[in-house]
């Protein structure tokens, strides 16, 4: 009997059952994405429709071109802080030229195959950056819970927090009502995620929280601020103005675009690496992913919307919902477009405090204390210090300064090995299996070449990793090697490791 023919969609086999799984997964991702797109836009200091436009472009366009078939792209909490500062200091009109240049930089990075270098950024820096962003989102959106606008800086927001709480009174006005709606939203979201029945595990907590807050405000007739969206989403698209070309060569615009491109690319590839660990399908083509993100950000710049990255919350929802191909991400963008074209009046019933509550929870989850504990336990004080310094500098100064400080501190790990930074990577592949031999210091400097060698190992064959000649491994290389070992073994591959130093020696003994 002849097997039914199957084609390839997004690098994955496509059969009749695939479209059903992609369809159901796209609905789940859409329900997760809608409140986050609007909430991140508001946290960025722009109207909510700007986030929805980015979600549509990220789904339909970037979903079709992405190098990571199951990753979902859209507005990211990780860029909300820097966009807020851009809008505050340079005006909303500056965002378009910045994103066009940032997109061109990402396209060039993909064409010149620089994707591997973004993967070499220290995990301590990346997670410290995300933790700092999480703190800023929490302290900023805390004020939205009281129907107030966030203040100009993170420190000002922190200083004003006690006054917000002490200002509550029994004289019920808009601040008290909004705070009530926000608390209902947060408790509903957390309660659902903790106690939801197994049969409804795919219903996202963010959606439940927003619906609960909206219903409370609607049925009680509460006078609180609500989301404002235009009658037509197309009216929210702002084409380039007469001064657009002149702003493209503004030094301030150029510097900000470089920062956006760097941070967006790092966050995207971090998310893509995490998505790869969630499924057994095709691995991410990091350079193709960079090119797709660049095209998406250029389109967002031309439309006057928010920047985008690959986003882990929506991507993990996509994988967990059973998505098989890139069709799921593309359809989720189509659902967003259809919803805001047909039902904009429904969005106008959502209280701002409900979206603020969702973002308070989202921001708090970015502050992963478990990660810094892991860094300290496995690699000592220096990586934990890098994490903490990056976080503090992001909160007290700005995002770019915090990242640069973290990268600078990462160089300290190289000092003991400065005379022998070179890592020799030899590989052999045949029918019997694969052997990778390393000699030298495995640091983030050599990570792109090491990544390329490990990614080239064929699936389904025994692997021997010879590290007898490795005299040092920094925490960036150790994390990557550990993840690779765990992924290979989880897929059923036999991996034999010889001479693994430090933390990797524990992993080497586990089959």
Protein backbone atom coordinates (compact mmCIF):
# COMPACT_ATOMS: atom_id res chain seq x y z
CA UNK A 1 0.00 0.00 0.00
CA UNK A 2 1.37 3.42 -0.97
CA UNK A 3 1.81 5.97 1.83
CA UNK A 4 0.02 9.29 1.34
CA UNK A 5 2.19 11.98 -0.19
CA UNK A 6 3.44 14.71 2.06
CA UNK A 7 4.94 18.06 1.18
CA UNK A 8 7.21 20.28 3.24
CA UNK A 9 5.92 23.45 4.87
CA UNK A 10 8.36 25.47 6.93
CA UNK A 11 10.87 22.63 6.81
CA UNK A 12 8.44 20.18 8.39
CA UNK A 13 6.42 17.36 6.78
CA UNK A 14 2.92 18.54 5.95
CA UNK A 15 -0.02 16.14 6.00
CA UNK A 16 -3.76 16.46 6.41
CA UNK A 17 -3.56 16.36 10.20
CA UNK A 18 -0.95 19.09 10.30
CA UNK A 19 -3.26 21.90 9.23
CA UNK A 20 -5.73 20.98 12.00
CA UNK A 21 -3.00 21.18 14.65
CA UNK A 22 -1.67 24.44 13.23
CA UNK A 23 -5.17 25.90 13.13
CA UNK A 24 -5.93 25.11 16.79
CA UNK A 25 -2.46 26.30 17.89
CA UNK A 26 -2.93 29.59 16.02
CA UNK A 27 -6.12 30.28 17.99
CA UNK A 28 -4.26 29.73 21.28
CA UNK A 29 -1.39 32.01 20.21
CA UNK A 30 -3.88 34.67 19.08
CA UNK A 31 -5.57 34.64 22.49
CA UNK A 32 -2.17 35.01 24.20
CA UNK A 33 -0.97 37.69 21.79
CA UNK A 34 -3.94 40.10 21.80
CA UNK A 35 -3.64 41.40 25.39
CA UNK A 36 0.18 41.35 25.25
CA UNK A 37 0.35 43.34 21.99
CA UNK A 38 -1.84 46.07 23.46
CA UNK A 39 -0.25 46.01 26.90
CA UNK A 40 3.31 46.24 25.57
CA UNK A 41 2.30 49.17 23.35
CA UNK A 42 0.88 51.01 26.34
CA UNK A 43 4.01 50.22 28.38
CA UNK A 44 6.03 51.65 25.48
CA UNK A 45 4.15 54.94 25.67
CA UNK A 46 2.29 54.51 22.36
CA UNK A 47 -1.38 53.76 21.47
CA UNK A 48 -2.37 50.07 21.69
CA UNK A 49 -3.03 49.76 17.95
CA UNK A 50 0.71 50.21 17.32
CA UNK A 51 1.34 46.92 19.10
CA UNK A 52 -1.45 45.20 17.18
CA UNK A 53 0.04 46.28 13.83
CA UNK A 54 3.41 44.83 14.89
CA UNK A 55 1.67 41.60 15.90
CA UNK A 56 0.03 41.35 12.47
CA UNK A 57 3.33 41.94 10.62
CA UNK A 58 5.17 39.57 12.94
CA UNK A 59 2.63 36.84 12.30
CA UNK A 60 1.82 37.09 8.61
CA UNK A 61 5.11 38.40 7.14
CA UNK A 62 7.85 37.27 9.53
CA UNK A 63 6.04 33.99 10.18
CA UNK A 64 6.31 33.20 6.47
CA UNK A 65 10.02 34.08 6.25
CA UNK A 66 11.37 33.02 9.67
CA UNK A 67 14.34 30.71 10.17
CA UNK A 68 12.65 29.28 13.26
CA UNK A 69 9.37 27.75 11.99
CA UNK A 70 7.65 27.54 15.38
CA UNK A 71 8.82 30.87 16.82
CA UNK A 72 6.23 33.65 17.01
CA UNK A 73 7.27 37.28 16.49
CA UNK A 74 5.63 40.46 17.73
CA UNK A 75 6.06 43.40 20.12
CA UNK A 76 8.29 42.40 23.02
CA UNK A 77 8.35 43.46 26.66
CA UNK A 78 12.14 43.50 26.35
CA UNK A 79 12.00 46.54 24.06
CA UNK A 80 9.19 48.41 25.84
CA UNK A 81 11.57 50.37 28.05
CA UNK A 82 13.85 51.59 25.28
CA UNK A 83 10.86 52.50 23.06
CA UNK A 84 9.34 54.46 25.95
CA UNK A 85 12.58 56.44 26.23
CA UNK A 86 12.69 57.05 22.45
CA UNK A 87 9.12 58.35 22.38
CA UNK A 88 9.73 60.49 25.47
CA UNK A 89 13.00 62.04 24.29
CA UNK A 90 12.73 62.08 20.48
CA UNK A 91 9.02 61.84 19.76
CA UNK A 92 6.90 59.12 18.17
CA UNK A 93 7.95 60.25 14.68
CA UNK A 94 11.54 59.13 15.42
CA UNK A 95 10.48 55.51 15.85
CA UNK A 96 9.86 54.89 12.13
CA UNK A 97 13.35 55.89 10.87
CA UNK A 98 14.97 54.05 13.79
CA UNK A 99 13.20 50.80 12.93
CA UNK A 100 13.98 51.08 9.22
CA UNK A 101 17.71 51.40 10.00
CA UNK A 102 17.55 48.68 12.67
CA UNK A 103 15.86 46.37 10.18
CA UNK A 104 18.55 47.04 7.57
CA UNK A 105 21.23 46.23 10.18
CA UNK A 106 19.51 42.93 11.00
CA UNK A 107 19.22 42.02 7.32
CA UNK A 108 22.92 42.79 6.83
CA UNK A 109 23.81 40.73 9.94
CA UNK A 110 21.90 37.79 8.50
CA UNK A 111 23.48 38.14 5.04
CA UNK A 112 26.97 38.28 6.57
CA UNK A 113 26.12 35.26 8.74
CA UNK A 114 26.59 36.96 12.09
CA UNK A 115 23.76 35.08 13.81
CA UNK A 116 26.20 32.85 15.70
CA UNK A 117 27.83 35.82 17.38
CA UNK A 118 24.57 36.90 18.98
CA UNK A 119 24.35 33.41 20.48
CA UNK A 120 27.76 34.03 22.07
CA UNK A 121 26.45 36.79 24.34
CA UNK A 122 26.84 35.80 27.97
CA UNK A 123 23.65 34.30 29.47
CA UNK A 124 24.37 36.41 32.57
CA UNK A 125 24.16 39.57 30.47
CA UNK A 126 21.01 38.49 28.62
CA UNK A 127 19.16 37.42 31.75
CA UNK A 128 20.42 40.45 33.68
CA UNK A 129 19.07 42.66 30.88
CA UNK A 130 15.71 40.87 30.94
CA UNK A 131 15.55 41.12 34.74
CA UNK A 132 16.25 44.87 34.58
CA UNK A 133 13.56 45.28 31.95
CA UNK A 134 11.20 43.27 34.15
CA UNK A 135 11.83 45.58 37.11
CA UNK A 136 11.20 48.67 34.97
CA UNK A 137 7.97 47.20 33.59
CA UNK A 138 6.71 46.33 37.08
CA UNK A 139 7.45 49.75 38.60
CA UNK A 140 6.07 51.54 35.53
CA UNK A 141 2.88 49.53 35.14
CA UNK A 142 2.29 49.70 38.88
CA UNK A 143 1.16 53.29 38.29
CA UNK A 144 -1.19 52.20 35.49
CA UNK A 145 -2.97 50.09 38.10
CA UNK A 146 -4.04 53.43 39.63
CA UNK A 147 -5.17 54.97 36.30
CA UNK A 148 -1.99 57.08 36.25
CA UNK A 149 0.81 57.38 33.70
CA UNK A 150 4.29 56.00 34.40
CA UNK A 151 6.92 58.61 35.23
CA UNK A 152 10.01 59.43 33.18
CA UNK A 153 12.51 57.01 34.74
CA UNK A 154 12.69 53.80 36.68
CA UNK A 155 13.99 55.48 39.82
CA UNK A 156 11.20 58.06 39.73
CA UNK A 157 8.64 55.29 39.38
CA UNK A 158 10.14 53.44 42.35
CA UNK A 159 10.16 56.59 44.48
CA UNK A 160 6.50 57.31 43.68
CA UNK A 161 5.21 53.81 44.48
CA UNK A 162 4.66 54.31 48.26
CA UNK A 163 2.69 57.49 47.55
CA UNK A 164 0.34 55.62 45.23
CA UNK A 165 -0.46 53.03 47.87
CA UNK A 166 -0.76 55.53 50.73
CA UNK A 167 -2.95 57.72 48.55
CA UNK A 168 -5.72 55.11 48.47
CA UNK A 169 -8.70 56.00 50.62
CA UNK A 170 -12.29 55.04 51.40
CA UNK A 171 -13.40 57.93 49.22
CA UNK A 172 -13.79 55.72 46.16
CA UNK A 173 -12.67 57.48 42.99
CA UNK A 174 -11.00 56.47 39.73
CA UNK A 175 -7.68 55.46 41.34
CA UNK A 176 -9.34 53.12 43.83
CA UNK A 177 -11.63 51.64 41.15
CA UNK A 178 -8.76 51.09 38.72
CA UNK A 179 -6.67 49.46 41.44
CA UNK A 180 -9.57 47.11 42.20
CA UNK A 181 -9.82 46.15 38.51
CA UNK A 182 -6.05 45.59 38.35
CA UNK A 183 -6.05 43.37 41.43
CA UNK A 184 -8.96 41.33 40.05
CA UNK A 185 -7.02 40.88 36.81
CA UNK A 186 -3.82 39.75 38.55
CA UNK A 187 -5.59 37.37 40.93
CA UNK A 188 -7.67 35.88 38.10
CA UNK A 189 -4.58 35.34 35.94
CA UNK A 190 -2.53 33.73 38.71
CA UNK A 191 -5.45 31.73 40.07
CA UNK A 192 -6.32 30.33 36.65
CA UNK A 193 -2.72 29.32 35.96
CA UNK A 194 -2.54 27.52 39.29
CA UNK A 195 -5.93 25.80 39.40
CA UNK A 196 -7.15 25.51 35.78
CA UNK A 197 -8.50 22.06 34.83
CA UNK A 198 -6.34 19.88 32.62
CA UNK A 199 -8.94 19.96 29.84
CA UNK A 200 -8.53 23.76 29.59
CA UNK A 201 -4.77 23.96 30.00
CA UNK A 202 -4.37 25.78 26.67
CA UNK A 203 -6.58 28.70 27.73
CA UNK A 204 -4.00 31.41 28.59
CA UNK A 205 -3.98 33.05 31.99
CA UNK A 206 -3.45 36.51 30.45
CA UNK A 207 -6.72 36.16 28.53
CA UNK A 208 -8.62 35.04 31.64
CA UNK A 209 -7.22 37.99 33.60
CA UNK A 210 -8.18 40.57 30.96
CA UNK A 211 -11.66 39.09 30.54
CA UNK A 212 -12.23 39.09 34.31
CA UNK A 213 -11.09 42.70 34.70
CA UNK A 214 -13.17 43.81 31.71
CA UNK A 215 -16.33 42.06 32.91
CA UNK A 216 -16.02 43.52 36.41
CA UNK A 217 -15.60 47.03 35.02
CA UNK A 218 -18.47 46.57 32.54
CA UNK A 219 -21.12 45.04 34.81
CA UNK A 220 -20.31 47.35 37.74
CA UNK A 221 -20.23 50.36 35.42
CA UNK A 222 -16.86 51.49 36.80
CA UNK A 223 -15.57 54.88 35.64
CA UNK A 224 -12.00 53.84 34.79
CA UNK A 225 -9.77 54.57 31.79
CA UNK A 226 -10.26 52.18 28.92
CA UNK A 227 -8.28 51.23 25.83
CA UNK A 228 -8.67 53.65 22.93
CA UNK A 229 -8.39 52.16 19.43
CA UNK A 230 -9.36 53.79 16.13
CA UNK A 231 -12.44 52.69 14.21
CA UNK A 232 -10.14 51.43 11.45
CA UNK A 233 -6.75 49.81 12.05
CA UNK A 234 -5.58 51.19 8.74
CA UNK A 235 -6.00 54.71 10.12
CA UNK A 236 -3.30 53.84 12.67
CA UNK A 237 -0.69 53.25 9.94
CA UNK A 238 1.44 56.39 9.71
CA UNK A 239 3.35 56.55 6.40
CA UNK A 240 6.76 58.29 6.22
CA UNK A 241 6.59 62.09 6.45
CA UNK A 242 8.51 64.75 4.48
CA UNK A 243 11.43 64.79 6.95
CA UNK A 244 11.82 61.00 6.96
CA UNK A 245 14.95 60.82 4.79
CA UNK A 246 16.74 63.58 6.69
CA UNK A 247 16.13 61.78 9.99
CA UNK A 248 17.75 58.62 8.63
CA UNK A 249 21.15 60.33 8.80
CA UNK A 250 20.65 61.91 12.24
CA UNK A 251 23.50 60.60 14.49
CA UNK A 252 21.09 60.15 17.43
CA UNK A 253 18.72 58.11 15.26
CA UNK A 254 21.61 55.98 13.98
CA UNK A 255 22.95 55.25 17.48
CA UNK A 256 19.51 54.30 18.77
CA UNK A 257 18.89 52.08 15.73
CA UNK A 258 22.11 50.17 16.42
CA UNK A 259 20.99 49.61 20.02
CA UNK A 260 17.53 48.41 18.91
CA UNK A 261 19.04 46.06 16.31
CA UNK A 262 21.48 44.57 18.83
CA UNK A 263 18.96 44.05 21.62
CA UNK A 264 16.17 42.82 19.32
CA UNK A 265 18.51 40.34 17.63
CA UNK A 266 19.88 39.02 20.93
CA UNK A 267 16.38 38.57 22.37
CA UNK A 268 15.13 36.91 19.17
CA UNK A 269 17.96 34.38 19.00
CA UNK A 270 17.74 33.67 22.73
CA UNK A 271 14.04 32.91 22.23
CA UNK A 272 14.77 30.79 19.13
CA UNK A 273 17.31 28.70 21.06
CA UNK A 274 14.71 28.15 23.80
CA UNK A 275 12.08 27.13 21.22
CA UNK A 276 14.51 24.62 19.70
CA UNK A 277 14.73 22.92 23.10
CA UNK A 278 10.93 22.48 23.17
CA UNK A 279 10.47 20.36 20.05
CA UNK A 280 12.21 17.75 17.88
CA UNK A 281 11.59 19.41 14.52
CA UNK A 282 14.03 21.40 12.36
CA UNK A 283 16.57 23.56 14.20
CA UNK A 284 16.64 27.33 13.75
CA UNK A 285 18.57 28.88 10.87
CA UNK A 286 19.80 31.88 12.87
CA UNK A 287 20.93 33.92 9.90
CA UNK A 288 17.63 33.41 8.08
CA UNK A 289 15.81 34.38 11.28
CA UNK A 290 17.82 37.62 11.49
CA UNK A 291 16.94 38.48 7.89
CA UNK A 292 13.24 37.83 8.53
CA UNK A 293 13.28 39.98 11.67
CA UNK A 294 15.01 42.75 9.72
CA UNK A 295 12.31 42.72 7.04
CA UNK A 296 9.65 42.77 9.76
CA UNK A 297 11.22 45.72 11.59
CA UNK A 298 11.61 47.67 8.34
CA UNK A 299 7.89 47.18 7.64
CA UNK A 300 7.06 48.22 11.21
CA UNK A 301 9.15 51.35 10.72
CA UNK A 302 7.35 52.21 7.48
CA UNK A 303 3.98 51.63 9.19
CA UNK A 304 4.92 53.69 12.26
CA UNK A 305 4.42 50.81 14.70
CA UNK A 306 6.47 49.09 17.43
CA UNK A 307 9.68 47.07 16.92
CA UNK A 308 9.44 43.30 17.03
CA UNK A 309 11.44 40.33 18.22
CA UNK A 310 10.88 36.62 18.54
CA UNK A 311 8.92 36.29 21.79
CA UNK A 312 9.20 33.32 24.11
CA UNK A 313 5.75 33.45 25.80
CA UNK A 314 3.84 33.30 22.50
CA UNK A 315 6.34 30.85 20.99
CA UNK A 316 6.10 28.42 23.90
CA UNK A 317 2.29 28.62 23.72
CA UNK A 318 2.57 27.77 20.02
CA UNK A 319 4.69 24.66 20.67
CA UNK A 320 2.62 23.51 23.65
CA UNK A 321 -0.57 23.87 21.61
CA UNK A 322 0.80 21.37 19.08
CA UNK A 323 1.87 23.59 16.17
CA UNK A 324 3.69 21.71 13.41
CA UNK A 325 4.66 24.38 10.84
CA UNK A 326 5.02 28.12 10.34
CA UNK A 327 1.35 28.22 9.24
CA UNK A 328 0.32 28.58 12.90
CA UNK A 329 2.27 31.82 13.41
CA UNK A 330 0.97 33.19 10.10
CA UNK A 331 -2.65 32.40 10.97
CA UNK A 332 -2.36 34.02 14.39
CA UNK A 333 -1.45 37.28 12.63
CA UNK A 334 -4.49 36.91 10.40
CA UNK A 335 -6.74 36.38 13.45
CA UNK A 336 -5.45 39.60 15.04
CA UNK A 337 -6.17 41.50 11.83
CA UNK A 338 -9.64 40.01 11.52
CA UNK A 339 -10.52 40.73 15.16
CA UNK A 340 -9.56 44.40 15.12
CA UNK A 341 -11.26 44.97 11.75
CA UNK A 342 -14.54 43.34 12.82
CA UNK A 343 -14.69 43.93 16.60
CA UNK A 344 -12.83 47.16 17.53
CA UNK A 345 -15.69 48.13 19.88
CA UNK A 346 -14.91 45.13 22.05
CA UNK A 347 -11.31 46.26 22.56
CA UNK A 348 -12.59 49.65 23.78
CA UNK A 349 -14.21 47.96 26.78
CA UNK A 350 -10.86 46.74 28.17
CA UNK A 351 -9.70 48.80 31.20
CA UNK A 352 -6.17 50.15 31.07
CA UNK A 353 -5.67 48.84 34.62
CA UNK A 354 -6.40 45.28 33.38
CA UNK A 355 -3.59 45.50 30.81
CA UNK A 356 -1.37 47.05 33.49
CA UNK A 357 -2.06 44.06 35.73
CA UNK A 358 -1.08 41.62 32.97
CA UNK A 359 2.19 43.46 32.43
CA UNK A 360 3.01 43.60 36.15
CA UNK A 361 2.88 39.79 36.18
CA UNK A 362 4.79 39.56 32.88
CA UNK A 363 7.50 41.92 34.12
CA UNK A 364 7.89 40.10 37.41
CA UNK A 365 8.44 36.82 35.60
CA UNK A 366 11.32 38.37 33.67
CA UNK A 367 13.15 38.84 36.98
CA UNK A 368 14.30 35.22 37.20
CA UNK A 369 16.03 34.83 40.56
CA UNK A 370 16.36 31.11 39.89
CA UNK A 371 18.71 31.88 37.00
CA UNK A 372 21.13 33.93 39.10
CA UNK A 373 21.07 31.24 41.79
CA UNK A 374 21.94 28.70 39.09
CA UNK A 375 24.83 30.88 37.85
CA UNK A 376 26.24 31.30 41.35
CA UNK A 377 25.90 27.62 42.29
CA UNK A 378 27.49 26.30 39.09
CA UNK A 379 30.01 28.94 38.05
CA UNK A 380 30.80 31.07 41.09
CA UNK A 381 30.45 34.74 41.96
CA UNK A 382 31.58 36.43 38.73
CA UNK A 383 28.63 35.43 36.46
CA UNK A 384 26.22 36.31 39.28
CA UNK A 385 27.95 39.68 39.61
CA UNK A 386 27.62 40.27 35.85
CA UNK A 387 23.89 39.49 36.11
CA UNK A 388 23.41 41.86 39.06
CA UNK A 389 25.49 44.69 37.55
CA UNK A 390 23.57 44.48 34.26
CA UNK A 391 20.24 44.57 36.11
CA UNK A 392 21.22 47.54 38.29
CA UNK A 393 22.61 49.56 35.38
CA UNK A 394 19.52 48.92 33.24
CA UNK A 395 17.27 50.17 36.05
CA UNK A 396 19.37 53.15 37.12
CA UNK A 397 20.66 54.36 33.74
CA UNK A 398 19.34 52.89 30.48
CA UNK A 399 19.13 49.61 28.61
CA UNK A 400 22.13 50.10 26.33
CA UNK A 401 24.42 51.20 29.17
CA UNK A 402 23.41 48.18 31.22
CA UNK A 403 24.15 45.77 28.37
CA UNK A 404 27.51 47.39 27.60
CA UNK A 405 28.52 47.21 31.28
CA UNK A 406 27.55 43.53 31.36
CA UNK A 407 29.52 42.78 28.19
CA UNK A 408 32.52 44.66 29.59
CA UNK A 409 32.44 42.63 32.79
CA UNK A 410 32.21 39.43 30.72
CA UNK A 411 35.69 40.16 29.40
CA UNK A 412 37.08 39.59 32.92
CA UNK A 413 36.48 35.86 32.40
CA UNK A 414 38.98 35.92 29.55
CA UNK A 415 41.89 37.35 31.60
CA UNK A 416 43.19 34.01 33.02
CA UNK A 417 43.20 32.52 29.50
CA UNK A 418 44.36 35.49 27.46
CA UNK A 419 47.48 33.64 26.25
CA UNK A 420 45.48 30.66 25.02
CA UNK A 421 42.12 31.90 23.82
CA UNK A 422 42.17 29.86 20.63
CA UNK A 423 39.96 26.75 20.57
CA UNK A 424 40.73 24.09 18.02
CA UNK A 425 37.66 22.16 16.84
CA UNK A 426 38.18 18.92 14.88
CA UNK A 427 35.24 16.84 13.70
CA UNK A 428 34.76 13.47 12.08
CA UNK A 429 31.49 12.01 10.84
CA UNK A 430 30.91 8.54 9.38
CA UNK A 431 28.33 5.77 9.45
CA UNK A 432 29.58 4.55 12.85
CA UNK A 433 29.03 7.93 14.51
CA UNK A 434 30.56 11.35 15.08
CA UNK A 435 33.55 12.55 17.06
CA UNK A 436 34.20 16.19 18.04
CA UNK A 437 37.63 16.97 19.53
CA UNK A 438 38.24 20.25 21.34
CA UNK A 439 41.62 21.68 22.32
CA UNK A 440 42.23 25.03 24.06
CA UNK A 441 39.96 27.39 26.00
CA UNK A 442 36.22 27.16 25.35
CA UNK A 443 35.01 30.74 25.81
CA UNK A 444 32.36 32.96 24.25
CA UNK A 445 35.03 34.16 21.78
CA UNK A 446 35.09 30.71 20.13
CA UNK A 447 31.41 29.95 20.56
CA UNK A 448 30.22 30.64 16.96
CA UNK A 449 32.66 28.07 15.53
CA UNK A 450 31.87 25.57 18.28
CA UNK A 451 28.13 26.03 17.73
CA UNK A 452 28.55 25.43 14.01
CA UNK A 453 30.44 22.17 14.63
CA UNK A 454 27.89 20.85 17.13
CA UNK A 455 24.94 21.80 14.94
CA UNK A 456 26.51 19.83 12.08
CA UNK A 457 26.39 16.54 14.04
CA UNK A 458 23.94 14.19 12.27
CA UNK A 459 20.90 13.04 14.22
CA UNK A 460 20.41 9.43 15.27
CA UNK A 461 24.10 8.46 15.54
CA UNK A 462 26.39 8.02 18.56
CA UNK A 463 28.53 11.05 19.39
CA UNK A 464 31.85 11.27 21.23
CA UNK A 465 32.87 14.69 22.56
CA UNK A 466 36.59 14.69 23.44
CA UNK A 467 37.42 17.57 25.82
CA UNK A 468 40.68 16.16 27.23
CA UNK A 469 42.59 19.06 25.67
CA UNK A 470 40.26 21.74 27.06
CA UNK A 471 41.89 23.57 29.95
CA UNK A 472 39.14 26.13 30.64
CA UNK A 473 35.43 26.67 29.97
CA UNK A 474 33.69 29.96 30.74
CA UNK A 475 30.06 29.98 31.84
CA UNK A 476 28.76 31.01 28.39
CA UNK A 477 30.34 28.01 26.67
CA UNK A 478 29.44 25.72 29.57
CA UNK A 479 25.76 26.68 29.37
CA UNK A 480 25.69 26.10 25.62
CA UNK A 481 27.47 22.73 25.86
CA UNK A 482 25.21 21.63 28.69
CA UNK A 483 22.09 22.51 26.70
CA UNK A 484 23.44 20.68 23.65
CA UNK A 485 24.18 17.55 25.71
CA UNK A 486 20.73 17.58 27.30
CA UNK A 487 19.01 18.10 23.95
CA UNK A 488 20.92 15.27 22.26
CA UNK A 489 20.23 12.83 25.08
CA UNK A 490 16.58 13.83 25.30
CA UNK A 491 16.27 12.94 21.60
CA UNK A 492 17.63 9.47 22.34
CA UNK A 493 21.17 9.96 21.03
CA UNK A 494 24.13 8.33 22.79
CA UNK A 495 26.70 10.98 23.77
CA UNK A 496 30.03 10.03 25.35
CA UNK A 497 32.02 12.92 26.87
CA UNK A 498 35.70 12.57 27.76
CA UNK A 499 37.62 15.00 29.93
CA UNK A 500 34.82 17.48 30.64
CA UNK A 501 35.97 20.07 33.21
CA UNK A 502 34.01 21.70 36.03
CA UNK A 503 30.23 21.73 35.86
CA UNK A 504 30.25 19.81 32.57
CA UNK A 505 31.86 16.84 34.33
CA UNK A 506 28.54 16.25 36.14
CA UNK A 507 26.62 16.34 32.89
CA UNK A 508 29.12 14.02 31.22
CA UNK A 509 28.33 11.24 33.68
CA UNK A 510 24.59 11.30 32.94
CA UNK A 511 23.45 9.23 30.00
